[in-house]
PDB file of N, CA and C in Angstrom:
ATOM      1  N   UNK A   1       7.065 -11.811 -11.261  1.00  0.00           N
ATOM      2  CA  UNK A   1       6.678 -11.605  -9.875  1.00  0.00           C
ATOM      3  C   UNK A   1       5.155 -11.522  -9.788  1.00  0.00           C
ATOM      4  N   UNK A   2       4.597 -12.191  -8.778  1.00  0.00           N
ATOM      5  CA  UNK A   2       3.181 -12.048  -8.476  1.00  0.00           C
ATOM      6  C   UNK A   2       2.965 -10.616  -7.972  1.00  0.00           C
ATOM      7  N   UNK A   3       1.718 -10.161  -7.951  1.00  0.00           N
ATOM      8  CA  UNK A   3       1.485  -8.819  -7.407  1.00  0.00           C
ATOM      9  C   UNK A   3       1.987  -8.680  -5.967  1.00  0.00           C
ATOM     10  N   UNK A   4       1.964  -9.795  -5.215  1.00  0.00           N
ATOM     11  CA  UNK A   4       2.397  -9.791  -3.822  1.00  0.00           C
ATOM     12  C   UNK A   4       3.165 -11.069  -3.551  1.00  0.00           C
ATOM     13  N   UNK A   5       4.263 -10.963  -2.814  1.00  0.00           N
ATOM     14  CA  UNK A   5       5.027 -12.142  -2.415  1.00  0.00           C
ATOM     15  C   UNK A   5       5.498 -11.986  -0.981  1.00  0.00           C
ATOM     16  N   UNK A   6       5.572 -13.101  -0.290  1.00  0.00           N
ATOM     17  CA  UNK A   6       6.095 -13.152   1.060  1.00  0.00           C
ATOM     18  C   UNK A   6       7.229 -14.159   1.039  1.00  0.00           C
ATOM     19  N   UNK A   7       8.423 -13.692   1.358  1.00  0.00           N
ATOM     20  CA  UNK A   7       9.587 -14.563   1.323  1.00  0.00           C
ATOM     21  C   UNK A   7      10.491 -14.254   2.509  1.00  0.00           C
ATOM     22  N   UNK A   8      10.746 -15.267   3.331  1.00  0.00           N
ATOM     23  CA  UNK A   8      11.603 -15.116   4.511  1.00  0.00           C
ATOM     24  C   UNK A   8      11.164 -13.959   5.396  1.00  0.00           C
ATOM     25  N   UNK A   9       9.850 -13.824   5.571  1.00  0.00           N
ATOM     26  CA  UNK A   9       9.317 -12.778   6.429  1.00  0.00           C
ATOM     27  C   UNK A   9       9.290 -11.394   5.802  1.00  0.00           C
ATOM     28  N   UNK A  10       9.746 -11.277   4.565  1.00  0.00           N
ATOM     29  CA  UNK A  10       9.767  -9.991   3.860  1.00  0.00           C
ATOM     30  C   UNK A  10       8.556  -9.898   2.939  1.00  0.00           C
ATOM     31  N   UNK A  11       7.888  -8.763   2.982  1.00  0.00           N
ATOM     32  CA  UNK A  11       6.736  -8.521   2.135  1.00  0.00           C
ATOM     33  C   UNK A  11       7.186  -7.733   0.916  1.00  0.00           C
ATOM     34  N   UNK A  12       6.768  -8.170  -0.261  1.00  0.00           N
ATOM     35  CA  UNK A  12       7.086  -7.452  -1.501  1.00  0.00           C
ATOM     36  C   UNK A  12       5.815  -7.338  -2.326  1.00  0.00           C
ATOM     37  N   UNK A  13       5.595  -6.168  -2.917  1.00  0.00           N
ATOM     38  CA  UNK A  13       4.444  -5.945  -3.778  1.00  0.00           C
ATOM     39  C   UNK A  13       4.940  -5.283  -5.054  1.00  0.00           C
ATOM     40  N   UNK A  14       4.381  -5.679  -6.161  1.00  0.00           N
ATOM     41  CA  UNK A  14       4.772  -5.138  -7.459  1.00  0.00           C
ATOM     42  C   UNK A  14       4.511  -3.632  -7.471  1.00  0.00           C
ATOM     43  N   UNK A  15       5.499  -2.857  -7.867  1.00  0.00           N
ATOM     44  CA  UNK A  15       5.392  -1.396  -7.876  1.00  0.00           C
ATOM     45  C   UNK A  15       4.267  -0.907  -8.769  1.00  0.00           C
ATOM     46  N   UNK A  16       3.938  -1.661  -9.806  1.00  0.00           N
ATOM     47  CA  UNK A  16       2.860  -1.218 -10.705  1.00  0.00           C
ATOM     48  C   UNK A  16       1.509  -1.230  -9.990  1.00  0.00           C
ATOM     49  N   UNK A  17       1.325  -2.124  -9.021  1.00  0.00           N
ATOM     50  CA  UNK A  17       0.088  -2.165  -8.239  1.00  0.00           C
ATOM     51  C   UNK A  17      -0.015  -0.904  -7.390  1.00  0.00           C
ATOM     52  N   UNK A  18       1.096  -0.505  -6.782  1.00  0.00           N
ATOM     53  CA  UNK A  18       1.116   0.704  -5.955  1.00  0.00           C
ATOM     54  C   UNK A  18       0.886   1.936  -6.818  1.00  0.00           C
ATOM     55  N   UNK A  19       1.575   2.004  -7.953  1.00  0.00           N
ATOM     56  CA  UNK A  19       1.437   3.159  -8.849  1.00  0.00           C
ATOM     57  C   UNK A  19      -0.017   3.317  -9.284  1.00  0.00           C
ATOM     58  N   UNK A  20      -0.647   2.215  -9.669  1.00  0.00           N
ATOM     59  CA  UNK A  20      -2.049   2.269 -10.079  1.00  0.00           C
ATOM     60  C   UNK A  20      -2.932   2.750  -8.936  1.00  0.00           C
ATOM     61  N   UNK A  21      -2.708   2.205  -7.755  1.00  0.00           N
ATOM     62  CA  UNK A  21      -3.518   2.571  -6.592  1.00  0.00           C
ATOM     63  C   UNK A  21      -3.383   4.028  -6.198  1.00  0.00           C
ATOM     64  N   UNK A  22      -2.181   4.583  -6.371  1.00  0.00           N
ATOM     65  CA  UNK A  22      -1.961   5.989  -6.024  1.00  0.00           C
ATOM     66  C   UNK A  22      -2.201   6.924  -7.204  1.00  0.00           C
ATOM     67  N   UNK A  23      -2.535   6.352  -8.374  1.00  0.00           N
ATOM     68  CA  UNK A  23      -2.811   7.171  -9.543  1.00  0.00           C
ATOM     69  C   UNK A  23      -1.583   7.860 -10.106  1.00  0.00           C
ATOM     70  N   UNK A  24      -0.427   7.172 -10.039  1.00  0.00           N
ATOM     71  CA  UNK A  24       0.831   7.742 -10.508  1.00  0.00           C
ATOM     72  C   UNK A  24       1.422   6.878 -11.620  1.00  0.00           C
ATOM     73  N   UNK A  25       2.157   7.516 -12.505  1.00  0.00           N
ATOM     74  CA  UNK A  25       2.945   6.765 -13.474  1.00  0.00           C
ATOM     75  C   UNK A  25       4.081   6.087 -12.720  1.00  0.00           C
ATOM     76  N   UNK A  26       4.481   4.917 -13.168  1.00  0.00           N
ATOM     77  CA  UNK A  26       5.511   4.144 -12.481  1.00  0.00           C
ATOM     78  C   UNK A  26       6.811   4.927 -12.267  1.00  0.00           C
ATOM     79  N   UNK A  27       7.337   5.662 -13.280  1.00  0.00           N
ATOM     80  CA  UNK A  27       8.564   6.428 -13.038  1.00  0.00           C
ATOM     81  C   UNK A  27       8.391   7.500 -11.944  1.00  0.00           C
ATOM     82  N   UNK A  28       7.203   8.131 -11.896  1.00  0.00           N
ATOM     83  CA  UNK A  28       6.952   9.147 -10.872  1.00  0.00           C
ATOM     84  C   UNK A  28       6.855   8.496  -9.498  1.00  0.00           C
ATOM     85  N   UNK A  29       6.239   7.310  -9.423  1.00  0.00           N
ATOM     86  CA  UNK A  29       6.179   6.586  -8.149  1.00  0.00           C
ATOM     87  C   UNK A  29       7.584   6.325  -7.633  1.00  0.00           C
ATOM     88  N   UNK A  30       8.443   5.803  -8.485  1.00  0.00           N
ATOM     89  CA  UNK A  30       9.818   5.497  -8.064  1.00  0.00           C
ATOM     90  C   UNK A  30      10.554   6.757  -7.612  1.00  0.00           C
ATOM     91  N   UNK A  31      10.371   7.841  -8.360  1.00  0.00           N
ATOM     92  CA  UNK A  31      11.010   9.114  -8.014  1.00  0.00           C
ATOM     93  C   UNK A  31      10.530   9.606  -6.649  1.00  0.00           C
ATOM     94  N   UNK A  32       9.218   9.544  -6.417  1.00  0.00           N
ATOM     95  CA  UNK A  32       8.676  10.016  -5.141  1.00  0.00           C
ATOM     96  C   UNK A  32       9.050   9.089  -3.988  1.00  0.00           C
ATOM     97  N   UNK A  33       9.140   7.782  -4.249  1.00  0.00           N
ATOM     98  CA  UNK A  33       9.586   6.859  -3.189  1.00  0.00           C
ATOM     99  C   UNK A  33      11.029   7.158  -2.803  1.00  0.00           C
ATOM    100  N   UNK A  34      11.883   7.359  -3.795  1.00  0.00           N
ATOM    101  CA  UNK A  34      13.290   7.672  -3.521  1.00  0.00           C
ATOM    102  C   UNK A  34      13.449   8.981  -2.771  1.00  0.00           C
ATOM    103  N   UNK A  35      12.519   9.918  -3.006  1.00  0.00           N
ATOM    104  CA  UNK A  35      12.566  11.220  -2.328  1.00  0.00           C
ATOM    105  C   UNK A  35      11.884  11.184  -0.960  1.00  0.00           C
ATOM    106  N   UNK A  36      11.319  10.031  -0.589  1.00  0.00           N
ATOM    107  CA  UNK A  36      10.650   9.905   0.704  1.00  0.00           C
ATOM    108  C   UNK A  36       9.252  10.501   0.724  1.00  0.00           C
ATOM    109  N   UNK A  37       8.686  10.782  -0.449  1.00  0.00           N
ATOM    110  CA  UNK A  37       7.351  11.374  -0.519  1.00  0.00           C
ATOM    111  C   UNK A  37       6.244  10.321  -0.504  1.00  0.00           C
ATOM    112  N   UNK A  38       6.600   9.079  -0.739  1.00  0.00           N
ATOM    113  CA  UNK A  38       5.667   7.956  -0.628  1.00  0.00           C
ATOM    114  C   UNK A  38       6.123   7.136   0.569  1.00  0.00           C
ATOM    115  N   UNK A  39       5.230   6.945   1.512  1.00  0.00           N
ATOM    116  CA  UNK A  39       5.553   6.144   2.691  1.00  0.00           C
ATOM    117  C   UNK A  39       4.601   4.952   2.737  1.00  0.00           C
ATOM    118  N   UNK A  40       4.925   3.988   3.578  1.00  0.00           N
ATOM    119  CA  UNK A  40       4.101   2.789   3.642  1.00  0.00           C
ATOM    120  C   UNK A  40       4.050   2.228   5.046  1.00  0.00           C
ATOM    121  N   UNK A  41       3.105   1.319   5.208  1.00  0.00           N
ATOM    122  CA  UNK A  41       2.911   0.639   6.484  1.00  0.00           C
ATOM    123  C   UNK A  41       2.448  -0.775   6.162  1.00  0.00           C
ATOM    124  N   UNK A  42       2.940  -1.755   6.902  1.00  0.00           N
ATOM    125  CA  UNK A  42       2.573  -3.148   6.699  1.00  0.00           C
ATOM    126  C   UNK A  42       2.062  -3.722   8.013  1.00  0.00           C
ATOM    127  N   UNK A  43       0.939  -4.416   7.931  1.00  0.00           N
ATOM    128  CA  UNK A  43       0.361  -5.039   9.123  1.00  0.00           C
ATOM    129  C   UNK A  43       0.031  -6.492   8.822  1.00  0.00           C
ATOM    130  N   UNK A  44       0.328  -7.358   9.766  1.00  0.00           N
ATOM    131  CA  UNK A  44       0.022  -8.781   9.632  1.00  0.00           C
ATOM    132  C   UNK A  44      -1.234  -9.085  10.429  1.00  0.00           C
ATOM    133  N   UNK A  45      -2.175  -9.801   9.801  1.00  0.00           N
ATOM    134  CA  UNK A  45      -3.430 -10.128  10.468  1.00  0.00           C
ATOM    135  C   UNK A  45      -3.246 -11.149  11.580  1.00  0.00           C
ATOM    136  N   UNK A  46      -4.116 -11.063  12.577  1.00  0.00           N
ATOM    137  CA  UNK A  46      -4.140 -12.026  13.677  1.00  0.00           C
ATOM    138  C   UNK A  46      -5.560 -12.557  13.821  1.00  0.00           C
ATOM    139  N   UNK A  47      -5.694 -13.631  14.569  1.00  0.00           N
ATOM    140  CA  UNK A  47      -6.993 -14.263  14.836  1.00  0.00           C
ATOM    141  C   UNK A  47      -7.732 -14.550  13.530  1.00  0.00           C
ATOM    142  N   UNK A  48      -8.913 -13.972  13.332  1.00  0.00           N
ATOM    143  CA  UNK A  48      -9.702 -14.244  12.119  1.00  0.00           C
ATOM    144  C   UNK A  48      -9.002 -13.794  10.845  1.00  0.00           C
ATOM    145  N   UNK A  49      -8.071 -12.859  10.956  1.00  0.00           N
ATOM    146  CA  UNK A  49      -7.351 -12.342   9.790  1.00  0.00           C
ATOM    147  C   UNK A  49      -5.959 -12.963   9.630  1.00  0.00           C
ATOM    148  N   UNK A  50      -5.687 -14.009  10.383  1.00  0.00           N
ATOM    149  CA  UNK A  50      -4.392 -14.673  10.276  1.00  0.00           C
ATOM    150  C   UNK A  50      -4.149 -15.125   8.839  1.00  0.00           C
ATOM    151  N   UNK A  51      -2.936 -14.895   8.347  1.00  0.00           N
ATOM    152  CA  UNK A  51      -2.593 -15.247   6.975  1.00  0.00           C
ATOM    153  C   UNK A  51      -2.851 -14.131   5.991  1.00  0.00           C
ATOM    154  N   UNK A  52      -3.333 -13.010   6.490  1.00  0.00           N
ATOM    155  CA  UNK A  52      -3.576 -11.844   5.633  1.00  0.00           C
ATOM    156  C   UNK A  52      -2.622 -10.721   6.020  1.00  0.00           C
ATOM    157  N   UNK A  53      -2.379  -9.857   5.058  1.00  0.00           N
ATOM    158  CA  UNK A  53      -1.520  -8.696   5.268  1.00  0.00           C
ATOM    159  C   UNK A  53      -2.224  -7.468   4.724  1.00  0.00           C
ATOM    160  N   UNK A  54      -2.146  -6.373   5.468  1.00  0.00           N
ATOM    161  CA  UNK A  54      -2.691  -5.101   4.991  1.00  0.00           C
ATOM    162  C   UNK A  54      -1.516  -4.169   4.748  1.00  0.00           C
ATOM    163  N   UNK A  55      -1.375  -3.750   3.514  1.00  0.00           N
ATOM    164  CA  UNK A  55      -0.290  -2.857   3.108  1.00  0.00           C
ATOM    165  C   UNK A  55      -0.916  -1.521   2.750  1.00  0.00           C
ATOM    166  N   UNK A  56      -0.413  -0.452   3.342  1.00  0.00           N
ATOM    167  CA  UNK A  56      -0.958   0.878   3.118  1.00  0.00           C
ATOM    168  C   UNK A  56       0.151   1.778   2.612  1.00  0.00           C
ATOM    169  N   UNK A  57      -0.165   2.542   1.570  1.00  0.00           N
ATOM    170  CA  UNK A  57       0.797   3.450   0.948  1.00  0.00           C
ATOM    171  C   UNK A  57       0.210   4.853   0.959  1.00  0.00           C
ATOM    172  N   UNK A  58       1.039   5.812   1.327  1.00  0.00           N
ATOM    173  CA  UNK A  58       0.602   7.188   1.464  1.00  0.00           C
ATOM    174  C   UNK A  58       1.372   8.086   0.499  1.00  0.00           C
ATOM    175  N   UNK A  59       0.650   8.914  -0.232  1.00  0.00           N
ATOM    176  CA  UNK A  59       1.269   9.975  -1.016  1.00  0.00           C
ATOM    177  C   UNK A  59       0.727  11.284  -0.455  1.00  0.00           C
ATOM    178  N   UNK A  60       1.060  12.371  -1.090  1.00  0.00           N
ATOM    179  CA  UNK A  60       0.629  13.667  -0.566  1.00  0.00           C
ATOM    180  C   UNK A  60      -0.892  13.799  -0.509  1.00  0.00           C
ATOM    181  N   UNK A  61      -1.599  13.248  -1.505  1.00  0.00           N
ATOM    182  CA  UNK A  61      -3.043  13.443  -1.596  1.00  0.00           C
ATOM    183  C   UNK A  61      -3.865  12.161  -1.591  1.00  0.00           C
ATOM    184  N   UNK A  62      -3.207  11.009  -1.477  1.00  0.00           N
ATOM    185  CA  UNK A  62      -3.929   9.737  -1.535  1.00  0.00           C
ATOM    186  C   UNK A  62      -3.414   8.726  -0.529  1.00  0.00           C
ATOM    187  N   UNK A  63      -4.328   7.842  -0.138  1.00  0.00           N
ATOM    188  CA  UNK A  63      -3.957   6.657   0.637  1.00  0.00           C
ATOM    189  C   UNK A  63      -4.452   5.459  -0.152  1.00  0.00           C
ATOM    190  N   UNK A  64      -3.547   4.531  -0.436  1.00  0.00           N
ATOM    191  CA  UNK A  64      -3.889   3.291  -1.130  1.00  0.00           C
ATOM    192  C   UNK A  64      -3.666   2.145  -0.165  1.00  0.00           C
ATOM    193  N   UNK A  65      -4.683   1.303  -0.022  1.00  0.00           N
ATOM    194  CA  UNK A  65      -4.596   0.163   0.893  1.00  0.00           C
ATOM    195  C   UNK A  65      -4.946  -1.099   0.127  1.00  0.00           C
ATOM    196  N   UNK A  66      -4.157  -2.145   0.368  1.00  0.00           N
ATOM    197  CA  UNK A  66      -4.401  -3.438  -0.275  1.00  0.00           C
ATOM    198  C   UNK A  66      -4.284  -4.528   0.793  1.00  0.00           C
ATOM    199  N   UNK A  67      -5.235  -5.463   0.757  1.00  0.00           N
ATOM    200  CA  UNK A  67      -5.220  -6.615   1.662  1.00  0.00           C
ATOM    201  C   UNK A  67      -4.923  -7.833   0.799  1.00  0.00           C
ATOM    202  N   UNK A  68      -3.935  -8.609   1.219  1.00  0.00           N
ATOM    203  CA  UNK A  68      -3.506  -9.779   0.452  1.00  0.00           C
ATOM    204  C   UNK A  68      -3.422 -11.001   1.372  1.00  0.00           C
ATOM    205  N   UNK A  69      -3.465 -12.182   0.744  1.00  0.00           N
ATOM    206  CA  UNK A  69      -3.279 -13.407   1.525  1.00  0.00           C
ATOM    207  C   UNK A  69      -1.872 -13.952   1.298  1.00  0.00           C
ATOM    208  N   UNK A  70      -1.519 -14.984   2.048  1.00  0.00           N
ATOM    209  CA  UNK A  70      -0.173 -15.547   1.971  1.00  0.00           C
ATOM    210  C   UNK A  70       0.178 -16.111   0.607  1.00  0.00           C
ATOM    211  N   UNK A  71      -0.831 -16.483  -0.155  1.00  0.00           N
ATOM    212  CA  UNK A  71      -0.593 -17.043  -1.481  1.00  0.00           C
ATOM    213  C   UNK A  71      -0.352 -16.006  -2.562  1.00  0.00           C
ATOM    214  N   UNK A  72      -0.466 -14.742  -2.217  1.00  0.00           N
ATOM    215  CA  UNK A  72      -0.216 -13.686  -3.178  1.00  0.00           C
ATOM    216  C   UNK A  72      -1.452 -13.102  -3.820  1.00  0.00           C
ATOM    217  N   UNK A  73      -2.639 -13.566  -3.412  1.00  0.00           N
ATOM    218  CA  UNK A  73      -3.887 -13.052  -3.989  1.00  0.00           C
ATOM    219  C   UNK A  73      -4.295 -11.750  -3.309  1.00  0.00           C
ATOM    220  N   UNK A  74      -4.689 -10.787  -4.122  1.00  0.00           N
ATOM    221  CA  UNK A  74      -5.212  -9.533  -3.585  1.00  0.00           C
ATOM    222  C   UNK A  74      -6.683  -9.748  -3.251  1.00  0.00           C
ATOM    223  N   UNK A  75      -7.033  -9.547  -1.997  1.00  0.00           N
ATOM    224  CA  UNK A  75      -8.386  -9.771  -1.507  1.00  0.00           C
ATOM    225  C   UNK A  75      -9.219  -8.493  -1.605  1.00  0.00           C
ATOM    226  N   UNK A  76      -8.578  -7.379  -1.312  1.00  0.00           N
ATOM    227  CA  UNK A  76      -9.290  -6.100  -1.294  1.00  0.00           C
ATOM    228  C   UNK A  76      -8.305  -4.985  -1.585  1.00  0.00           C
ATOM    229  N   UNK A  77      -8.775  -3.958  -2.265  1.00  0.00           N
ATOM    230  CA  UNK A  77      -7.960  -2.763  -2.466  1.00  0.00           C
ATOM    231  C   UNK A  77      -8.876  -1.549  -2.400  1.00  0.00           C
ATOM    232  N   UNK A  78      -8.324  -0.446  -1.891  1.00  0.00           N
ATOM    233  CA  UNK A  78      -9.106   0.784  -1.825  1.00  0.00           C
ATOM    234  C   UNK A  78      -8.161   1.975  -1.901  1.00  0.00           C
ATOM    235  N   UNK A  79      -8.693   3.057  -2.462  1.00  0.00           N
ATOM    236  CA  UNK A  79      -7.943   4.299  -2.560  1.00  0.00           C
ATOM    237  C   UNK A  79      -8.800   5.414  -1.996  1.00  0.00           C
ATOM    238  N   UNK A  80      -8.198   6.229  -1.179  1.00  0.00           N
ATOM    239  CA  UNK A  80      -8.849   7.407  -0.635  1.00  0.00           C
ATOM    240  C   UNK A  80      -8.149   8.602  -1.257  1.00  0.00           C
ATOM    241  N   UNK A  81      -8.874   9.404  -2.031  1.00  0.00           N
ATOM    242  CA  UNK A  81      -8.301  10.517  -2.774  1.00  0.00           C
ATOM    243  C   UNK A  81      -8.827  11.825  -2.207  1.00  0.00           C
ATOM    244  N   UNK A  82      -7.927  12.699  -1.817  1.00  0.00           N
ATOM    245  CA  UNK A  82      -8.313  13.987  -1.256  1.00  0.00           C
ATOM    246  C   UNK A  82      -8.192  15.122  -2.255  1.00  0.00           C
ATOM    247  N   UNK A  83      -8.044  14.787  -3.545  1.00  0.00           N
ATOM    248  CA  UNK A  83      -7.959  15.821  -4.575  1.00  0.00           C
ATOM    249  C   UNK A  83      -6.794  16.756  -4.336  1.00  0.00           C
ATOM    250  N   UNK A  84      -7.066  18.043  -4.281  1.00  0.00           N
ATOM    251  CA  UNK A  84      -6.005  19.036  -4.085  1.00  0.00           C
ATOM    252  C   UNK A  84      -5.619  19.228  -2.619  1.00  0.00           C
ATOM    253  N   UNK A  85      -6.423  18.700  -1.701  1.00  0.00           N
ATOM    254  CA  UNK A  85      -6.131  18.842  -0.274  1.00  0.00           C
ATOM    255  C   UNK A  85      -5.093  17.794   0.143  1.00  0.00           C
ATOM    256  N   UNK A  86      -4.199  18.157   1.053  1.00  0.00           N
ATOM    257  CA  UNK A  86      -3.229  17.155   1.528  1.00  0.00           C
ATOM    258  C   UNK A  86      -3.916  16.082   2.368  1.00  0.00           C
ATOM    259  N   UNK A  87      -3.328  14.920   2.383  1.00  0.00           N
ATOM    260  CA  UNK A  87      -3.841  13.799   3.169  1.00  0.00           C
ATOM    261  C   UNK A  87      -3.759  14.156   4.657  1.00  0.00           C
ATOM    262  N   UNK A  88      -4.863  14.046   5.403  1.00  0.00           N
ATOM    263  CA  UNK A  88      -4.824  14.360   6.838  1.00  0.00           C
ATOM    264  C   UNK A  88      -3.870  13.431   7.582  1.00  0.00           C
ATOM    265  N   UNK A  89      -3.154  13.970   8.554  1.00  0.00           N
ATOM    266  CA  UNK A  89      -2.205  13.175   9.352  1.00  0.00           C
ATOM    267  C   UNK A  89      -2.900  12.009  10.045  1.00  0.00           C
ATOM    268  N   UNK A  90      -4.189  12.153  10.381  1.00  0.00           N
ATOM    269  CA  UNK A  90      -4.903  11.075  11.072  1.00  0.00           C
ATOM    270  C   UNK A  90      -5.014   9.810  10.235  1.00  0.00           C
ATOM    271  N   UNK A  91      -4.854   9.928   8.914  1.00  0.00           N
ATOM    272  CA  UNK A  91      -4.945   8.750   8.054  1.00  0.00           C
ATOM    273  C   UNK A  91      -3.622   8.014   7.940  1.00  0.00           C
ATOM    274  N   UNK A  92      -2.583   8.515   8.544  1.00  0.00           N
ATOM    275  CA  UNK A  92      -1.276   7.865   8.522  1.00  0.00           C
ATOM    276  C   UNK A  92      -1.102   6.935   9.716  1.00  0.00           C
ATOM    277  N   UNK A  93      -2.189   6.263  10.092  1.00  0.00           N
ATOM    278  CA  UNK A  93      -2.102   5.339  11.222  1.00  0.00           C
ATOM    279  C   UNK A  93      -2.949   4.116  10.941  1.00  0.00           C
ATOM    280  N   UNK A  94      -2.652   2.996  11.624  1.00  0.00           N
ATOM    281  CA  UNK A  94      -3.418   1.771  11.384  1.00  0.00           C
ATOM    282  C   UNK A  94      -4.907   2.000  11.621  1.00  0.00           C
ATOM    283  N   UNK A  95      -5.706   1.436  10.728  1.00  0.00           N
ATOM    284  CA  UNK A  95      -7.155   1.482  10.898  1.00  0.00           C
ATOM    285  C   UNK A  95      -7.774   2.812  10.548  1.00  0.00           C
ATOM    286  N   UNK A  96      -6.946   3.844  10.243  1.00  0.00           N
ATOM    287  CA  UNK A  96      -7.465   5.189   9.979  1.00  0.00           C
ATOM    288  C   UNK A  96      -8.150   5.309   8.663  1.00  0.00           C
TER     289      UNK A  96
END
């Protein structure tokens, strides 16, 4: 699997990319996703950003965002780490 794939309108990203971005071991990522402690948001670009997707993943203390193109290439990635403080609710929204 490529790091990112788009198939039949469904977005898929390799879990190891998310785990790395959130600073978690892969088994812990899966455990927290199953428990609902990791949430995500997907946005499709329009106009100048057409053909791009912004995927955002939230854990208790981090926000990981990755921008990808339709071909599966990662264009940009960023992590916002709040250390021991919980992630502010304001960051759980588009553009935040």
